[in-house]
């Protein structure tokens, strides 16, 4: 399991590459913002796409 820099755009949601066990997190500087974005991304369950 690895955490990767997901960029500096704080409007982005965290993403994951599950086949590589990779979590891509934007550079959140606020723990509460990171928590709310993570929970939103987990709870929405929009599915996946091939990149």
N, C-alpha and C. Protein backbone atom coordinates (compact mmCIF):
# COMPACT_ATOMS: atom_id res chain seq x y z
N UNK A 1 0.85 -1.17 0.00
CA UNK A 1 0.00 0.00 0.00
C UNK A 1 0.89 1.22 0.00
N UNK A 2 0.72 2.11 -0.99
CA UNK A 2 1.54 3.33 -1.10
C UNK A 2 0.63 4.54 -1.25
N UNK A 3 1.11 5.65 -0.74
CA UNK A 3 0.42 6.93 -0.92
C UNK A 3 1.26 7.77 -1.87
N UNK A 4 0.61 8.31 -2.89
CA UNK A 4 1.29 9.06 -3.94
C UNK A 4 0.76 10.50 -3.95
N UNK A 5 1.62 11.45 -4.30
CA UNK A 5 1.21 12.85 -4.42
C UNK A 5 0.24 12.98 -5.59
N UNK A 6 -0.97 13.45 -5.28
CA UNK A 6 -2.00 13.60 -6.31
C UNK A 6 -2.08 15.00 -6.87
N UNK A 7 -1.08 15.84 -6.61
CA UNK A 7 -1.06 17.19 -7.16
C UNK A 7 -1.48 18.24 -6.15
N UNK A 8 -1.46 19.49 -6.60
CA UNK A 8 -1.72 20.61 -5.69
C UNK A 8 -3.13 21.19 -5.83
N UNK A 9 -3.95 20.63 -6.72
CA UNK A 9 -5.31 21.13 -6.91
C UNK A 9 -6.21 20.61 -5.78
N UNK A 10 -6.56 21.48 -4.85
CA UNK A 10 -7.34 21.06 -3.68
C UNK A 10 -8.80 20.79 -4.00
N UNK A 11 -9.24 21.10 -5.22
CA UNK A 11 -10.61 20.78 -5.62
C UNK A 11 -10.75 19.32 -6.04
N UNK A 12 -9.64 18.66 -6.30
CA UNK A 12 -9.66 17.24 -6.70
C UNK A 12 -10.00 16.35 -5.52
N UNK A 13 -10.61 15.23 -5.84
CA UNK A 13 -10.86 14.21 -4.82
C UNK A 13 -9.70 13.22 -4.84
N UNK A 14 -9.48 12.55 -3.72
CA UNK A 14 -8.48 11.47 -3.72
C UNK A 14 -8.91 10.38 -4.70
N UNK A 15 -7.94 9.75 -5.34
CA UNK A 15 -8.22 8.65 -6.25
C UNK A 15 -7.33 7.46 -5.87
N UNK A 16 -7.61 6.33 -6.48
CA UNK A 16 -6.83 5.13 -6.17
C UNK A 16 -6.62 4.30 -7.42
N UNK A 17 -5.50 3.61 -7.44
CA UNK A 17 -5.23 2.57 -8.43
C UNK A 17 -5.19 1.27 -7.63
N UNK A 18 -6.32 0.59 -7.60
CA UNK A 18 -6.44 -0.57 -6.72
C UNK A 18 -5.56 -1.73 -7.17
N UNK A 19 -5.30 -1.86 -8.47
CA UNK A 19 -4.45 -2.96 -8.94
C UNK A 19 -3.01 -2.78 -8.48
N UNK A 20 -2.62 -1.55 -8.18
CA UNK A 20 -1.26 -1.27 -7.72
C UNK A 20 -1.22 -0.90 -6.24
N UNK A 21 -2.35 -1.01 -5.55
CA UNK A 21 -2.43 -0.63 -4.13
C UNK A 21 -1.90 0.78 -3.90
N UNK A 22 -2.37 1.73 -4.73
CA UNK A 22 -1.87 3.09 -4.71
C UNK A 22 -3.00 4.06 -4.40
N UNK A 23 -2.81 4.90 -3.40
CA UNK A 23 -3.76 5.95 -3.05
C UNK A 23 -3.13 7.28 -3.44
N UNK A 24 -3.84 8.04 -4.29
CA UNK A 24 -3.32 9.33 -4.77
C UNK A 24 -4.06 10.46 -4.05
N UNK A 25 -3.34 11.14 -3.18
CA UNK A 25 -3.91 12.22 -2.38
C UNK A 25 -3.38 13.57 -2.84
N UNK A 26 -4.27 14.53 -3.10
CA UNK A 26 -3.79 15.89 -3.34
C UNK A 26 -3.05 16.41 -2.10
N UNK A 27 -2.31 17.48 -2.26
CA UNK A 27 -1.51 18.04 -1.17
C UNK A 27 -2.39 18.82 -0.20
N UNK A 28 -3.15 18.11 0.61
CA UNK A 28 -4.02 18.75 1.59
C UNK A 28 -3.18 19.30 2.74
N UNK A 29 -3.42 20.55 3.11
CA UNK A 29 -2.73 21.16 4.24
C UNK A 29 -3.63 21.25 5.46
N UNK A 30 -4.88 20.87 5.28
CA UNK A 30 -5.86 20.93 6.36
C UNK A 30 -6.41 19.53 6.58
N UNK A 31 -6.23 19.01 7.78
CA UNK A 31 -6.66 17.64 8.09
C UNK A 31 -8.17 17.46 7.91
N UNK A 32 -8.95 18.47 8.28
CA UNK A 32 -10.41 18.38 8.15
C UNK A 32 -10.83 18.32 6.68
N UNK A 33 -10.17 19.09 5.83
CA UNK A 33 -10.47 19.06 4.39
C UNK A 33 -10.12 17.69 3.82
N UNK A 34 -8.97 17.15 4.20
CA UNK A 34 -8.58 15.83 3.73
C UNK A 34 -9.58 14.77 4.17
N UNK A 35 -10.00 14.85 5.41
CA UNK A 35 -10.97 13.88 5.94
C UNK A 35 -12.29 13.95 5.17
N UNK A 36 -12.80 15.17 4.95
CA UNK A 36 -14.09 15.30 4.26
C UNK A 36 -13.99 14.84 2.81
N UNK A 37 -12.88 15.13 2.13
CA UNK A 37 -12.71 14.70 0.73
C UNK A 37 -12.57 13.17 0.66
N UNK A 38 -11.83 12.57 1.60
CA UNK A 38 -11.69 11.12 1.62
C UNK A 38 -13.03 10.44 1.85
N UNK A 39 -13.78 10.92 2.83
CA UNK A 39 -15.08 10.32 3.13
C UNK A 39 -16.04 10.48 1.95
N UNK A 40 -16.03 11.63 1.31
CA UNK A 40 -16.89 11.86 0.15
C UNK A 40 -16.53 10.88 -0.97
N UNK A 41 -15.24 10.73 -1.25
CA UNK A 41 -14.79 9.83 -2.32
C UNK A 41 -15.17 8.38 -2.01
N UNK A 42 -15.06 7.98 -0.76
CA UNK A 42 -15.39 6.61 -0.37
C UNK A 42 -16.89 6.36 -0.44
N UNK A 43 -17.68 7.29 0.05
CA UNK A 43 -19.12 7.09 0.16
C UNK A 43 -19.86 7.23 -1.17
N UNK A 44 -19.31 7.97 -2.12
CA UNK A 44 -20.00 8.16 -3.40
C UNK A 44 -19.93 6.93 -4.29
N UNK A 45 -18.87 6.18 -4.20
CA UNK A 45 -18.73 4.92 -4.94
C UNK A 45 -19.15 5.06 -6.40
N UNK A 46 -18.53 5.99 -7.11
CA UNK A 46 -18.89 6.25 -8.50
C UNK A 46 -18.45 5.14 -9.45
N UNK A 47 -17.61 4.24 -9.01
CA UNK A 47 -17.14 3.18 -9.89
C UNK A 47 -15.70 3.42 -10.30
N UNK A 48 -15.33 2.86 -11.45
CA UNK A 48 -13.96 3.02 -11.90
C UNK A 48 -13.93 3.20 -13.40
N UNK A 49 -12.79 3.68 -13.87
CA UNK A 49 -12.58 3.82 -15.30
C UNK A 49 -11.17 3.37 -15.61
N UNK A 50 -10.95 2.95 -16.82
CA UNK A 50 -9.61 2.54 -17.23
C UNK A 50 -8.87 3.75 -17.76
N UNK A 51 -7.65 3.94 -17.29
CA UNK A 51 -6.88 5.10 -17.76
C UNK A 51 -5.68 4.66 -18.57
